N, C-alpha and C. Protein backbone atom coordinates (compact mmCIF):
# COMPACT_ATOMS: atom_id res chain seq x y z
N MET A 1 148.22 -17.93 137.21
CA MET A 1 149.22 -17.88 138.26
C MET A 1 149.16 -16.54 138.95
N SER A 2 149.33 -16.53 140.21
CA SER A 2 149.34 -15.33 141.01
C SER A 2 150.76 -14.78 141.10
N VAL A 3 150.90 -13.49 140.85
CA VAL A 3 152.22 -12.82 140.95
C VAL A 3 152.18 -11.96 142.20
N ASP A 4 153.13 -12.18 143.08
CA ASP A 4 153.19 -11.34 144.30
C ASP A 4 154.12 -10.17 144.09
N ALA A 5 154.26 -9.38 145.15
CA ALA A 5 155.07 -8.15 145.04
C ALA A 5 156.52 -8.45 144.70
N LEU A 6 157.11 -9.52 145.27
CA LEU A 6 158.50 -9.85 144.95
C LEU A 6 158.62 -10.28 143.49
N ASP A 7 157.66 -11.12 143.03
CA ASP A 7 157.66 -11.50 141.62
C ASP A 7 157.62 -10.26 140.71
N ALA A 8 156.79 -9.31 141.07
CA ALA A 8 156.70 -8.09 140.27
C ALA A 8 157.98 -7.29 140.27
N ARG A 9 158.66 -7.22 141.43
CA ARG A 9 159.95 -6.55 141.51
C ARG A 9 160.98 -7.27 140.65
N ILE A 10 160.97 -8.61 140.67
CA ILE A 10 161.89 -9.40 139.84
C ILE A 10 161.63 -9.12 138.37
N LEU A 11 160.36 -9.17 137.96
CA LEU A 11 160.02 -8.92 136.55
C LEU A 11 160.42 -7.52 136.12
N ARG A 12 160.15 -6.54 136.95
CA ARG A 12 160.53 -5.15 136.63
C ARG A 12 162.02 -5.07 136.42
N LEU A 13 162.78 -5.68 137.28
CA LEU A 13 164.25 -5.65 137.15
C LEU A 13 164.72 -6.37 135.89
N LEU A 14 164.12 -7.50 135.58
CA LEU A 14 164.48 -8.22 134.35
C LEU A 14 164.22 -7.37 133.11
N LEU A 15 163.09 -6.63 133.12
CA LEU A 15 162.75 -5.78 131.98
C LEU A 15 163.66 -4.56 131.90
N GLN A 16 164.02 -4.00 133.04
CA GLN A 16 164.83 -2.79 133.04
C GLN A 16 166.31 -3.07 132.81
N GLN A 17 166.79 -4.23 133.29
CA GLN A 17 168.21 -4.57 133.19
C GLN A 17 168.36 -6.03 132.70
N PRO A 18 168.02 -6.29 131.45
CA PRO A 18 167.95 -7.68 130.97
C PRO A 18 169.30 -8.42 130.88
N ARG A 19 170.41 -7.70 130.94
CA ARG A 19 171.69 -8.34 130.77
C ARG A 19 172.48 -8.48 132.08
N THR A 20 171.80 -8.42 133.19
CA THR A 20 172.45 -8.52 134.49
C THR A 20 172.46 -9.97 134.95
N SER A 21 173.43 -10.33 135.77
CA SER A 21 173.51 -11.73 136.27
C SER A 21 172.52 -11.97 137.37
N VAL A 22 172.23 -13.24 137.60
CA VAL A 22 171.32 -13.62 138.70
C VAL A 22 171.89 -13.16 140.04
N ARG A 23 173.16 -13.31 140.20
CA ARG A 23 173.80 -12.86 141.45
C ARG A 23 173.56 -11.34 141.68
N GLU A 24 173.72 -10.57 140.63
CA GLU A 24 173.51 -9.12 140.77
C GLU A 24 172.06 -8.79 141.01
N TYR A 25 171.15 -9.49 140.33
CA TYR A 25 169.72 -9.28 140.59
C TYR A 25 169.40 -9.55 142.07
N ALA A 26 169.95 -10.62 142.62
CA ALA A 26 169.70 -10.97 144.00
C ALA A 26 170.22 -9.87 144.94
N ARG A 27 171.40 -9.34 144.63
CA ARG A 27 171.96 -8.27 145.42
C ARG A 27 171.09 -7.04 145.39
N ILE A 28 170.65 -6.66 144.18
CA ILE A 28 169.81 -5.45 144.03
C ILE A 28 168.50 -5.59 144.77
N LEU A 29 167.91 -6.81 144.68
CA LEU A 29 166.61 -7.04 145.31
C LEU A 29 166.71 -7.32 146.82
N GLY A 30 167.90 -7.63 147.29
CA GLY A 30 168.10 -7.93 148.68
C GLY A 30 167.53 -9.27 149.09
N VAL A 31 167.63 -10.25 148.18
CA VAL A 31 167.18 -11.62 148.48
C VAL A 31 168.29 -12.61 148.20
N ALA A 32 168.19 -13.78 148.77
CA ALA A 32 169.20 -14.81 148.53
C ALA A 32 169.15 -15.25 147.06
N ARG A 33 170.35 -15.59 146.56
CA ARG A 33 170.44 -16.03 145.16
C ARG A 33 169.53 -17.26 144.93
N GLY A 34 169.49 -18.19 145.88
CA GLY A 34 168.65 -19.40 145.75
C GLY A 34 167.17 -19.04 145.69
N THR A 35 166.76 -18.06 146.50
CA THR A 35 165.36 -17.59 146.47
C THR A 35 165.02 -17.01 145.09
N LEU A 36 165.91 -16.17 144.60
CA LEU A 36 165.70 -15.56 143.30
C LEU A 36 165.64 -16.62 142.22
N GLN A 37 166.57 -17.60 142.24
CA GLN A 37 166.59 -18.61 141.20
C GLN A 37 165.33 -19.45 141.25
N ALA A 38 164.84 -19.77 142.44
CA ALA A 38 163.59 -20.54 142.58
C ALA A 38 162.43 -19.73 142.00
N ARG A 39 162.40 -18.45 142.28
CA ARG A 39 161.31 -17.61 141.72
C ARG A 39 161.40 -17.55 140.21
N LEU A 40 162.61 -17.38 139.68
CA LEU A 40 162.77 -17.32 138.24
C LEU A 40 162.32 -18.64 137.58
N ASP A 41 162.74 -19.74 138.19
CA ASP A 41 162.36 -21.05 137.66
C ASP A 41 160.83 -21.21 137.63
N ARG A 42 160.15 -20.77 138.73
CA ARG A 42 158.70 -20.89 138.80
C ARG A 42 158.04 -19.95 137.79
N LEU A 43 158.53 -18.74 137.64
CA LEU A 43 157.97 -17.81 136.66
C LEU A 43 158.10 -18.34 135.25
N GLU A 44 159.24 -18.97 134.96
CA GLU A 44 159.39 -19.61 133.64
C GLU A 44 158.46 -20.81 133.48
N ARG A 45 158.45 -21.69 134.48
CA ARG A 45 157.61 -22.88 134.40
C ARG A 45 156.12 -22.51 134.25
N ASP A 46 155.69 -21.45 134.91
CA ASP A 46 154.29 -21.04 134.84
C ASP A 46 153.98 -20.18 133.63
N GLY A 47 154.98 -19.91 132.80
CA GLY A 47 154.74 -19.17 131.56
C GLY A 47 154.70 -17.67 131.73
N VAL A 48 155.03 -17.13 132.92
CA VAL A 48 155.04 -15.69 133.12
C VAL A 48 156.22 -15.11 132.35
N ILE A 49 157.39 -15.74 132.48
CA ILE A 49 158.55 -15.36 131.68
C ILE A 49 158.50 -16.28 130.45
N ALA A 50 158.10 -15.71 129.32
CA ALA A 50 157.81 -16.50 128.16
C ALA A 50 158.98 -16.59 127.18
N GLN A 51 159.91 -15.66 127.23
CA GLN A 51 160.98 -15.69 126.26
C GLN A 51 162.25 -15.15 126.91
N ALA A 52 163.30 -15.87 126.70
CA ALA A 52 164.59 -15.36 127.13
C ALA A 52 165.50 -15.32 125.89
N GLY A 53 165.97 -14.18 125.58
CA GLY A 53 166.81 -14.02 124.42
C GLY A 53 166.66 -12.64 123.83
N PRO A 54 167.42 -12.38 122.81
CA PRO A 54 167.40 -11.03 122.24
C PRO A 54 166.13 -10.79 121.44
N ARG A 55 165.74 -9.52 121.40
CA ARG A 55 164.61 -9.11 120.56
C ARG A 55 165.26 -8.54 119.29
N VAL A 56 165.03 -9.21 118.18
CA VAL A 56 165.67 -8.85 116.93
C VAL A 56 164.78 -7.89 116.14
N SER A 57 165.37 -6.87 115.57
CA SER A 57 164.62 -5.88 114.79
C SER A 57 164.54 -6.28 113.34
N PRO A 58 163.34 -6.54 112.80
CA PRO A 58 163.22 -6.84 111.37
C PRO A 58 163.77 -5.72 110.51
N ALA A 59 163.56 -4.46 110.94
CA ALA A 59 164.05 -3.32 110.16
C ALA A 59 165.59 -3.38 110.02
N ALA A 60 166.27 -3.81 111.08
CA ALA A 60 167.72 -3.94 111.03
C ALA A 60 168.13 -5.08 110.13
N LEU A 61 167.21 -5.97 109.82
CA LEU A 61 167.48 -7.08 108.89
C LEU A 61 166.99 -6.74 107.49
N ASP A 62 166.89 -5.43 107.21
CA ASP A 62 166.47 -4.94 105.89
C ASP A 62 165.02 -5.26 105.57
N HIS A 63 164.17 -5.33 106.57
CA HIS A 63 162.72 -5.54 106.39
C HIS A 63 161.98 -4.43 107.18
N PRO A 64 162.09 -3.16 106.73
CA PRO A 64 161.50 -2.06 107.50
C PRO A 64 159.99 -1.89 107.36
N VAL A 65 159.38 -2.51 106.36
CA VAL A 65 157.94 -2.35 106.16
C VAL A 65 157.21 -3.32 107.07
N LEU A 66 156.27 -2.80 107.83
CA LEU A 66 155.43 -3.63 108.72
C LEU A 66 154.00 -3.48 108.30
N ALA A 67 153.33 -4.60 108.15
CA ALA A 67 151.90 -4.59 107.79
C ALA A 67 151.15 -5.61 108.62
N PHE A 68 149.89 -5.32 108.80
CA PHE A 68 148.97 -6.24 109.47
C PHE A 68 148.04 -6.75 108.39
N VAL A 69 148.05 -8.07 108.20
CA VAL A 69 147.23 -8.69 107.16
C VAL A 69 146.19 -9.55 107.81
N ARG A 70 144.92 -9.19 107.55
CA ARG A 70 143.80 -10.01 107.99
C ARG A 70 143.51 -11.00 106.90
N ILE A 71 143.28 -12.24 107.30
CA ILE A 71 143.05 -13.30 106.32
C ILE A 71 141.71 -13.93 106.61
N GLU A 72 140.88 -13.98 105.60
CA GLU A 72 139.60 -14.69 105.69
C GLU A 72 139.81 -16.10 105.13
N VAL A 73 139.34 -17.09 105.87
CA VAL A 73 139.63 -18.47 105.56
C VAL A 73 138.31 -19.24 105.27
N THR A 74 138.36 -20.14 104.33
CA THR A 74 137.22 -21.01 104.06
C THR A 74 136.92 -21.82 105.32
N GLN A 75 135.63 -21.94 105.63
CA GLN A 75 135.25 -22.66 106.84
C GLN A 75 135.85 -24.06 106.84
N GLY A 76 136.40 -24.44 107.99
CA GLY A 76 137.00 -25.75 108.16
C GLY A 76 138.46 -25.83 107.77
N HIS A 77 139.08 -24.72 107.33
CA HIS A 77 140.47 -24.74 106.89
C HIS A 77 141.40 -23.89 107.75
N LEU A 78 140.92 -23.44 108.89
CA LEU A 78 141.72 -22.54 109.73
C LEU A 78 143.05 -23.17 110.16
N ASP A 79 143.03 -24.43 110.60
CA ASP A 79 144.24 -25.07 111.06
C ASP A 79 145.21 -25.25 109.90
N ASP A 80 144.70 -25.62 108.73
CA ASP A 80 145.59 -25.82 107.58
C ASP A 80 146.27 -24.53 107.15
N VAL A 81 145.49 -23.47 107.11
CA VAL A 81 146.07 -22.15 106.75
C VAL A 81 147.04 -21.70 107.80
N GLY A 82 146.69 -21.88 109.06
CA GLY A 82 147.59 -21.52 110.17
C GLY A 82 148.94 -22.26 110.04
N THR A 83 148.87 -23.52 109.72
CA THR A 83 150.12 -24.30 109.54
C THR A 83 150.90 -23.80 108.36
N ALA A 84 150.22 -23.46 107.26
CA ALA A 84 150.92 -22.95 106.08
C ALA A 84 151.58 -21.63 106.30
N LEU A 85 150.97 -20.79 107.18
CA LEU A 85 151.56 -19.48 107.47
C LEU A 85 152.95 -19.62 108.11
N ALA A 86 153.15 -20.68 108.83
CA ALA A 86 154.45 -20.90 109.47
C ALA A 86 155.59 -21.08 108.45
N ASP A 87 155.23 -21.38 107.22
CA ASP A 87 156.25 -21.55 106.15
C ASP A 87 156.63 -20.24 105.46
N VAL A 88 155.98 -19.16 105.84
CA VAL A 88 156.24 -17.84 105.24
C VAL A 88 157.12 -17.06 106.20
N PRO A 89 158.40 -16.90 105.89
CA PRO A 89 159.33 -16.29 106.83
C PRO A 89 159.00 -14.83 107.17
N GLU A 90 158.32 -14.14 106.28
CA GLU A 90 157.99 -12.74 106.53
C GLU A 90 156.83 -12.57 107.53
N ILE A 91 156.15 -13.64 107.86
CA ILE A 91 155.11 -13.58 108.87
C ILE A 91 155.79 -13.81 110.21
N ILE A 92 155.77 -12.77 111.05
CA ILE A 92 156.47 -12.87 112.33
C ILE A 92 155.51 -13.15 113.48
N GLU A 93 154.19 -13.03 113.24
CA GLU A 93 153.17 -13.43 114.22
C GLU A 93 151.88 -13.72 113.49
N ALA A 94 151.07 -14.60 114.05
CA ALA A 94 149.74 -14.86 113.50
C ALA A 94 148.82 -15.29 114.62
N TYR A 95 147.62 -14.73 114.60
CA TYR A 95 146.63 -15.03 115.64
C TYR A 95 145.28 -15.35 115.02
N SER A 96 144.53 -16.27 115.61
CA SER A 96 143.12 -16.45 115.29
C SER A 96 142.40 -15.27 115.96
N ILE A 97 141.42 -14.68 115.25
CA ILE A 97 140.75 -13.51 115.78
C ILE A 97 139.24 -13.61 115.60
N THR A 98 138.54 -12.72 116.28
CA THR A 98 137.11 -12.54 116.04
C THR A 98 136.97 -11.25 115.20
N GLY A 99 135.79 -11.01 114.72
CA GLY A 99 135.55 -9.78 113.93
C GLY A 99 135.85 -10.04 112.47
N GLY A 100 136.36 -9.01 111.81
CA GLY A 100 136.63 -9.09 110.36
C GLY A 100 137.80 -9.98 110.05
N GLY A 101 137.52 -11.10 109.51
CA GLY A 101 138.59 -12.06 109.17
C GLY A 101 138.72 -13.15 110.20
N ASP A 102 139.57 -14.13 109.90
CA ASP A 102 139.78 -15.24 110.79
C ASP A 102 141.17 -15.26 111.42
N LEU A 103 142.12 -14.67 110.70
CA LEU A 103 143.50 -14.63 111.18
C LEU A 103 144.05 -13.21 111.03
N LEU A 104 144.85 -12.81 111.98
CA LEU A 104 145.56 -11.54 111.88
C LEU A 104 147.06 -11.85 111.93
N THR A 105 147.76 -11.40 110.91
CA THR A 105 149.20 -11.66 110.85
C THR A 105 149.95 -10.36 110.87
N ARG A 106 151.15 -10.42 111.44
CA ARG A 106 152.08 -9.30 111.40
C ARG A 106 153.15 -9.72 110.40
N VAL A 107 153.27 -8.90 109.34
CA VAL A 107 154.12 -9.25 108.21
C VAL A 107 155.19 -8.15 108.03
N VAL A 108 156.42 -8.54 107.77
CA VAL A 108 157.49 -7.60 107.47
C VAL A 108 157.96 -7.80 106.05
N ALA A 109 158.45 -6.72 105.45
CA ALA A 109 158.90 -6.80 104.06
C ALA A 109 160.03 -5.80 103.81
N ARG A 110 160.76 -6.00 102.75
CA ARG A 110 161.85 -5.10 102.37
C ARG A 110 161.32 -3.75 101.88
N ASP A 111 160.22 -3.82 101.12
CA ASP A 111 159.59 -2.64 100.56
C ASP A 111 158.15 -2.99 100.19
N ASN A 112 157.42 -2.06 99.61
CA ASN A 112 156.02 -2.33 99.31
C ASN A 112 155.86 -3.40 98.20
N ALA A 113 156.77 -3.44 97.25
CA ALA A 113 156.71 -4.45 96.23
C ALA A 113 156.91 -5.84 96.82
N HIS A 114 157.84 -5.96 97.72
CA HIS A 114 158.05 -7.24 98.43
C HIS A 114 156.82 -7.62 99.23
N LEU A 115 156.21 -6.63 99.91
CA LEU A 115 154.97 -6.87 100.66
C LEU A 115 153.88 -7.42 99.73
N GLU A 116 153.74 -6.83 98.57
CA GLU A 116 152.75 -7.32 97.60
C GLU A 116 153.04 -8.79 97.22
N ASP A 117 154.30 -9.11 97.04
CA ASP A 117 154.67 -10.51 96.72
C ASP A 117 154.26 -11.45 97.86
N VAL A 118 154.48 -11.03 99.08
CA VAL A 118 154.11 -11.86 100.25
C VAL A 118 152.57 -12.02 100.28
N ILE A 119 151.85 -10.93 100.06
CA ILE A 119 150.40 -11.01 100.07
C ILE A 119 149.90 -11.93 98.95
N GLN A 120 150.49 -11.84 97.80
CA GLN A 120 150.10 -12.74 96.69
C GLN A 120 150.36 -14.20 97.06
N ARG A 121 151.44 -14.44 97.76
CA ARG A 121 151.72 -15.82 98.23
C ARG A 121 150.62 -16.28 99.19
N LEU A 122 150.19 -15.36 100.07
CA LEU A 122 149.15 -15.72 101.02
C LEU A 122 147.82 -16.03 100.31
N ILE A 123 147.50 -15.22 99.33
CA ILE A 123 146.23 -15.40 98.59
C ILE A 123 146.21 -16.73 97.88
N ARG A 124 147.34 -17.23 97.46
CA ARG A 124 147.39 -18.52 96.75
C ARG A 124 147.33 -19.73 97.69
N LEU A 125 147.39 -19.52 99.02
CA LEU A 125 147.32 -20.67 99.92
C LEU A 125 145.94 -21.29 99.86
N PRO A 126 145.88 -22.62 99.80
CA PRO A 126 144.56 -23.29 99.81
C PRO A 126 143.80 -22.91 101.10
N GLY A 127 142.54 -22.51 100.90
CA GLY A 127 141.71 -22.16 102.03
C GLY A 127 141.62 -20.67 102.31
N VAL A 128 142.50 -19.87 101.68
CA VAL A 128 142.43 -18.44 101.86
C VAL A 128 141.42 -17.86 100.89
N VAL A 129 140.42 -17.12 101.41
CA VAL A 129 139.38 -16.52 100.58
C VAL A 129 139.83 -15.12 100.14
N ARG A 130 140.27 -14.30 101.12
CA ARG A 130 140.73 -12.95 100.80
C ARG A 130 141.59 -12.43 101.90
N THR A 131 142.30 -11.36 101.59
CA THR A 131 143.13 -10.69 102.60
C THR A 131 142.81 -9.20 102.62
N ARG A 132 143.12 -8.61 103.74
CA ARG A 132 142.98 -7.14 103.87
C ARG A 132 144.23 -6.68 104.60
N THR A 133 144.92 -5.70 104.03
CA THR A 133 146.23 -5.28 104.55
C THR A 133 146.21 -3.82 104.99
N GLU A 134 146.78 -3.60 106.16
CA GLU A 134 147.05 -2.25 106.66
C GLU A 134 148.53 -2.13 106.90
N ILE A 135 149.13 -1.09 106.34
CA ILE A 135 150.56 -0.85 106.52
C ILE A 135 150.77 0.08 107.70
N ALA A 136 151.67 -0.29 108.59
CA ALA A 136 151.99 0.56 109.73
C ALA A 136 152.87 1.70 109.25
N LEU A 137 152.53 2.93 109.64
CA LEU A 137 153.32 4.08 109.25
C LEU A 137 154.43 4.38 110.27
N ARG A 138 154.09 4.29 111.55
CA ARG A 138 155.04 4.61 112.60
C ARG A 138 154.61 3.90 113.88
N GLU A 139 155.58 3.37 114.59
CA GLU A 139 155.28 2.75 115.88
C GLU A 139 155.03 3.85 116.91
N ARG A 140 153.87 3.83 117.53
CA ARG A 140 153.52 4.87 118.54
C ARG A 140 153.77 4.38 119.97
N VAL A 141 153.54 3.09 120.22
CA VAL A 141 153.84 2.51 121.53
C VAL A 141 154.59 1.24 121.26
N PRO A 142 155.89 1.17 121.57
CA PRO A 142 156.64 -0.05 121.33
C PRO A 142 156.16 -1.17 122.25
N HIS A 143 156.41 -2.39 121.84
CA HIS A 143 156.05 -3.54 122.66
C HIS A 143 156.55 -3.30 124.08
N ARG A 144 155.68 -3.50 125.05
CA ARG A 144 156.07 -3.25 126.44
C ARG A 144 155.17 -4.06 127.36
N VAL A 145 155.73 -4.43 128.47
CA VAL A 145 154.94 -5.05 129.54
C VAL A 145 155.25 -4.44 130.89
N LEU A 146 156.29 -3.60 130.96
CA LEU A 146 156.66 -2.99 132.21
C LEU A 146 155.52 -2.26 132.91
N PRO A 147 154.72 -1.44 132.21
CA PRO A 147 153.59 -0.81 132.90
C PRO A 147 152.58 -1.80 133.49
N LEU A 148 152.37 -2.90 132.79
CA LEU A 148 151.48 -3.96 133.31
C LEU A 148 152.09 -4.60 134.55
N VAL A 149 153.39 -4.92 134.49
CA VAL A 149 154.07 -5.51 135.63
C VAL A 149 153.99 -4.59 136.85
N GLU A 150 154.23 -3.30 136.63
CA GLU A 150 154.15 -2.35 137.72
C GLU A 150 152.74 -2.26 138.30
N SER A 151 151.72 -2.32 137.45
CA SER A 151 150.34 -2.27 137.92
C SER A 151 150.01 -3.51 138.73
N VAL A 152 150.41 -4.66 138.27
CA VAL A 152 150.18 -5.92 138.97
C VAL A 152 150.91 -5.90 140.32
N GLY A 153 152.15 -5.39 140.28
CA GLY A 153 152.93 -5.30 141.53
C GLY A 153 152.29 -4.41 142.56
N ARG A 154 151.76 -3.24 142.12
CA ARG A 154 151.06 -2.35 143.04
C ARG A 154 149.84 -3.04 143.62
N GLY A 155 149.11 -3.79 142.79
CA GLY A 155 147.94 -4.51 143.27
C GLY A 155 148.33 -5.56 144.28
N ALA A 156 149.41 -6.28 144.05
CA ALA A 156 149.86 -7.36 144.96
C ALA A 156 150.33 -6.75 146.27
N ALA A 157 151.03 -5.63 146.19
CA ALA A 157 151.50 -4.98 147.43
C ALA A 157 150.32 -4.45 148.24
N ALA A 158 149.30 -3.88 147.58
CA ALA A 158 148.12 -3.38 148.27
C ALA A 158 147.35 -4.52 148.92
N ALA A 159 147.25 -5.62 148.22
CA ALA A 159 146.52 -6.80 148.76
C ALA A 159 147.25 -7.33 149.98
N ARG A 160 148.58 -7.34 149.95
CA ARG A 160 149.35 -7.80 151.10
C ARG A 160 149.17 -6.87 152.29
N ARG A 161 149.15 -5.55 152.06
CA ARG A 161 148.94 -4.57 153.11
C ARG A 161 147.54 -4.72 153.73
N ASP A 162 146.56 -5.02 152.86
CA ASP A 162 145.18 -5.12 153.34
C ASP A 162 144.85 -6.48 153.88
N GLY A 163 145.85 -7.36 153.89
CA GLY A 163 145.66 -8.69 154.45
C GLY A 163 145.03 -9.68 153.51
N GLY A 164 145.00 -9.38 152.18
CA GLY A 164 144.36 -10.29 151.24
C GLY A 164 145.32 -11.01 150.48
């Protein structure tokens, strides 16, 4: 989907002021409320706005340990293992990957002993050959998309100025 300059301005505002009303967003952007709502609906329908809701901190839920666990899977069992991972509440994300391993998971735990218990649970899953774990020491760049939105917005504005 193509994002134009107004879409980028809308996304930037949503990221900077997530608890503002649609009416207020329209006022700030200088567009009609109906125009803004139509844009929001399209951005959601096209998957640009992928999540609406609070971002919950696992650390605030007494799970301050964050680890990335690579899982090597027996050939032909990737889907089965992927489905089984959904039953492990401490796994907050899982991706199929290239390179070392077949799956990369983001795992949270109460402490290192709890992390070991989670890893042992993963190792016992049918189809799991081995795991490799890296523990995150400190978050250096928090999850963000605003710089990307701003870059896309600058590109859209430049394309509009250049007639493209």
